[in-house]
Amino acid sequence: MIDFTLEEIYIFKTCNTTNKNKSIQVLKTYLNTDDSAMKEMVQSVIDKLHKVTEQEFHELINYPV
């Protein structure tokens, strides 16, 4: 499984969806910020989500945080 940081998992979980493509769509809306550090982290999550399998995605959804 691709390594996500705890912060990236928290950001991902704010999407509140069980669909990988929908999660990516929601995360793309987060890129509309002036905070460059936040943009960088969100883009990292998007890039990683593109690479995970559906099984890994569902493991991520159920990751206990």
N, C-alpha and C. Protein backbone atom coordinates (compact mmCIF):
# COMPACT_ATOMS: atom_id res chain seq x y z
N MET A 1 0.85 -1.19 0.00
CA MET A 1 0.00 0.00 0.00
C MET A 1 0.88 1.23 0.00
N ILE A 2 0.41 2.25 -0.68
CA ILE A 2 1.13 3.51 -0.73
C ILE A 2 1.06 4.17 0.64
N ASP A 3 2.17 4.72 1.07
CA ASP A 3 2.23 5.35 2.39
C ASP A 3 1.60 6.74 2.37
N PHE A 4 0.57 6.91 3.17
CA PHE A 4 -0.05 8.20 3.40
C PHE A 4 0.37 8.67 4.78
N THR A 5 0.63 9.96 4.92
CA THR A 5 0.90 10.49 6.25
C THR A 5 -0.43 10.59 6.99
N LEU A 6 -0.35 10.72 8.29
CA LEU A 6 -1.56 10.87 9.08
C LEU A 6 -2.34 12.12 8.65
N GLU A 7 -1.63 13.19 8.37
CA GLU A 7 -2.28 14.43 7.92
C GLU A 7 -3.01 14.21 6.59
N GLU A 8 -2.37 13.45 5.69
CA GLU A 8 -3.01 13.18 4.40
C GLU A 8 -4.26 12.32 4.59
N ILE A 9 -4.21 11.40 5.52
CA ILE A 9 -5.39 10.57 5.79
C ILE A 9 -6.52 11.44 6.35
N TYR A 10 -6.19 12.34 7.25
CA TYR A 10 -7.22 13.25 7.79
C TYR A 10 -7.86 14.07 6.67
N ILE A 11 -7.04 14.60 5.77
CA ILE A 11 -7.58 15.38 4.65
C ILE A 11 -8.47 14.50 3.79
N PHE A 12 -8.00 13.31 3.48
CA PHE A 12 -8.78 12.39 2.67
C PHE A 12 -10.14 12.09 3.32
N LYS A 13 -10.13 11.86 4.60
CA LYS A 13 -11.38 11.49 5.30
C LYS A 13 -12.40 12.63 5.32
N THR A 14 -11.97 13.86 5.11
CA THR A 14 -12.94 14.96 5.05
C THR A 14 -13.81 14.88 3.81
N CYS A 15 -13.41 14.10 2.83
CA CYS A 15 -14.20 13.95 1.60
C CYS A 15 -15.52 13.24 1.87
N ASN A 16 -15.51 12.38 2.90
CA ASN A 16 -16.72 11.68 3.33
C ASN A 16 -17.42 10.95 2.17
N THR A 17 -16.63 10.20 1.42
CA THR A 17 -17.19 9.42 0.32
C THR A 17 -16.49 8.06 0.25
N THR A 18 -17.17 7.09 -0.31
CA THR A 18 -16.58 5.76 -0.45
C THR A 18 -16.20 5.46 -1.90
N ASN A 19 -16.13 6.51 -2.70
CA ASN A 19 -15.81 6.37 -4.12
C ASN A 19 -14.50 7.10 -4.39
N LYS A 20 -13.54 6.40 -4.97
CA LYS A 20 -12.22 6.97 -5.20
C LYS A 20 -12.27 8.20 -6.11
N ASN A 21 -12.99 8.10 -7.23
CA ASN A 21 -13.06 9.24 -8.15
C ASN A 21 -13.77 10.44 -7.53
N LYS A 22 -14.80 10.18 -6.76
CA LYS A 22 -15.52 11.27 -6.08
C LYS A 22 -14.60 11.93 -5.06
N SER A 23 -13.81 11.14 -4.35
CA SER A 23 -12.86 11.69 -3.39
C SER A 23 -11.87 12.62 -4.08
N ILE A 24 -11.38 12.20 -5.22
CA ILE A 24 -10.44 13.03 -5.97
C ILE A 24 -11.10 14.32 -6.42
N GLN A 25 -12.35 14.24 -6.86
CA GLN A 25 -13.09 15.45 -7.25
C GLN A 25 -13.22 16.42 -6.09
N VAL A 26 -13.59 15.90 -4.93
CA VAL A 26 -13.73 16.75 -3.74
C VAL A 26 -12.39 17.38 -3.38
N LEU A 27 -11.34 16.57 -3.40
CA LEU A 27 -10.01 17.09 -3.05
C LEU A 27 -9.57 18.19 -4.01
N LYS A 28 -9.94 18.08 -5.27
CA LYS A 28 -9.57 19.12 -6.24
C LYS A 28 -10.17 20.47 -5.87
N THR A 29 -11.33 20.45 -5.22
CA THR A 29 -11.93 21.72 -4.80
C THR A 29 -11.11 22.36 -3.68
N TYR A 30 -10.37 21.54 -2.93
CA TYR A 30 -9.53 22.05 -1.85
C TYR A 30 -8.30 22.79 -2.39
N LEU A 31 -8.01 22.63 -3.68
CA LEU A 31 -6.85 23.30 -4.26
C LEU A 31 -7.09 24.79 -4.45
N ASN A 32 -8.33 25.23 -4.25
CA ASN A 32 -8.68 26.64 -4.39
C ASN A 32 -8.40 27.40 -3.10
N THR A 33 -7.18 27.32 -2.64
CA THR A 33 -6.78 28.00 -1.41
C THR A 33 -5.51 28.79 -1.68
N ASP A 34 -5.28 29.80 -0.88
CA ASP A 34 -4.05 30.58 -1.00
C ASP A 34 -2.93 29.98 -0.17
N ASP A 35 -3.23 28.96 0.60
CA ASP A 35 -2.24 28.33 1.46
C ASP A 35 -1.43 27.32 0.64
N SER A 36 -0.20 27.67 0.32
CA SER A 36 0.61 26.82 -0.56
C SER A 36 0.94 25.48 0.08
N ALA A 37 1.13 25.44 1.39
CA ALA A 37 1.42 24.17 2.06
C ALA A 37 0.22 23.23 1.98
N MET A 38 -0.97 23.79 2.13
CA MET A 38 -2.19 22.99 2.03
C MET A 38 -2.37 22.48 0.61
N LYS A 39 -2.13 23.34 -0.38
CA LYS A 39 -2.23 22.91 -1.77
C LYS A 39 -1.29 21.75 -2.05
N GLU A 40 -0.07 21.85 -1.55
CA GLU A 40 0.93 20.81 -1.77
C GLU A 40 0.49 19.49 -1.15
N MET A 41 -0.05 19.54 0.05
CA MET A 41 -0.49 18.33 0.72
C MET A 41 -1.69 17.71 0.00
N VAL A 42 -2.64 18.54 -0.39
CA VAL A 42 -3.82 18.04 -1.10
C VAL A 42 -3.41 17.41 -2.43
N GLN A 43 -2.50 18.06 -3.14
CA GLN A 43 -2.04 17.51 -4.42
C GLN A 43 -1.34 16.17 -4.21
N SER A 44 -0.61 16.05 -3.12
CA SER A 44 0.05 14.79 -2.79
C SER A 44 -0.98 13.69 -2.57
N VAL A 45 -2.05 14.01 -1.85
CA VAL A 45 -3.12 13.03 -1.61
C VAL A 45 -3.76 12.62 -2.93
N ILE A 46 -4.04 13.58 -3.79
CA ILE A 46 -4.64 13.29 -5.09
C ILE A 46 -3.73 12.37 -5.90
N ASP A 47 -2.46 12.70 -5.95
CA ASP A 47 -1.50 11.88 -6.70
C ASP A 47 -1.44 10.46 -6.17
N LYS A 48 -1.45 10.32 -4.86
CA LYS A 48 -1.39 8.99 -4.26
C LYS A 48 -2.68 8.21 -4.50
N LEU A 49 -3.82 8.89 -4.45
CA LEU A 49 -5.09 8.20 -4.69
C LEU A 49 -5.18 7.66 -6.11
N HIS A 50 -4.60 8.38 -7.05
CA HIS A 50 -4.59 7.89 -8.43
C HIS A 50 -3.86 6.56 -8.54
N LYS A 51 -2.92 6.31 -7.66
CA LYS A 51 -2.08 5.12 -7.73
C LYS A 51 -2.60 3.92 -6.93
N VAL A 52 -3.51 4.15 -6.00
CA VAL A 52 -3.97 3.05 -5.15
C VAL A 52 -5.00 2.19 -5.88
N THR A 53 -5.03 0.93 -5.51
CA THR A 53 -6.04 0.02 -6.05
C THR A 53 -7.35 0.26 -5.29
N GLU A 54 -8.42 -0.33 -5.80
CA GLU A 54 -9.71 -0.20 -5.12
C GLU A 54 -9.64 -0.82 -3.73
N GLN A 55 -8.96 -1.95 -3.61
CA GLN A 55 -8.83 -2.59 -2.30
C GLN A 55 -8.06 -1.68 -1.33
N GLU A 56 -6.97 -1.10 -1.79
CA GLU A 56 -6.21 -0.18 -0.94
C GLU A 56 -7.03 1.04 -0.57
N PHE A 57 -7.84 1.50 -1.52
CA PHE A 57 -8.71 2.65 -1.24
C PHE A 57 -9.67 2.32 -0.11
N HIS A 58 -10.27 1.15 -0.14
CA HIS A 58 -11.22 0.77 0.90
C HIS A 58 -10.53 0.53 2.25
N GLU A 59 -9.30 0.08 2.22
CA GLU A 59 -8.52 -0.03 3.45
C GLU A 59 -8.27 1.36 4.03
N LEU A 60 -8.02 2.31 3.17
CA LEU A 60 -7.79 3.68 3.60
C LEU A 60 -9.06 4.29 4.21
N ILE A 61 -10.19 4.00 3.61
CA ILE A 61 -11.45 4.50 4.15
C ILE A 61 -11.65 4.00 5.58
N ASN A 62 -11.29 2.75 5.80
CA ASN A 62 -11.49 2.13 7.11
C ASN A 62 -10.33 2.31 8.06
N TYR A 63 -9.33 3.07 7.68
CA TYR A 63 -8.17 3.28 8.55
C TYR A 63 -8.61 4.02 9.81
N PRO A 64 -8.28 3.48 10.97
CA PRO A 64 -8.75 4.11 12.22
C PRO A 64 -7.90 5.34 12.60
N VAL A 65 -8.54 6.46 12.57
CA VAL A 65 -7.89 7.71 13.00
C VAL A 65 -8.75 8.41 14.02
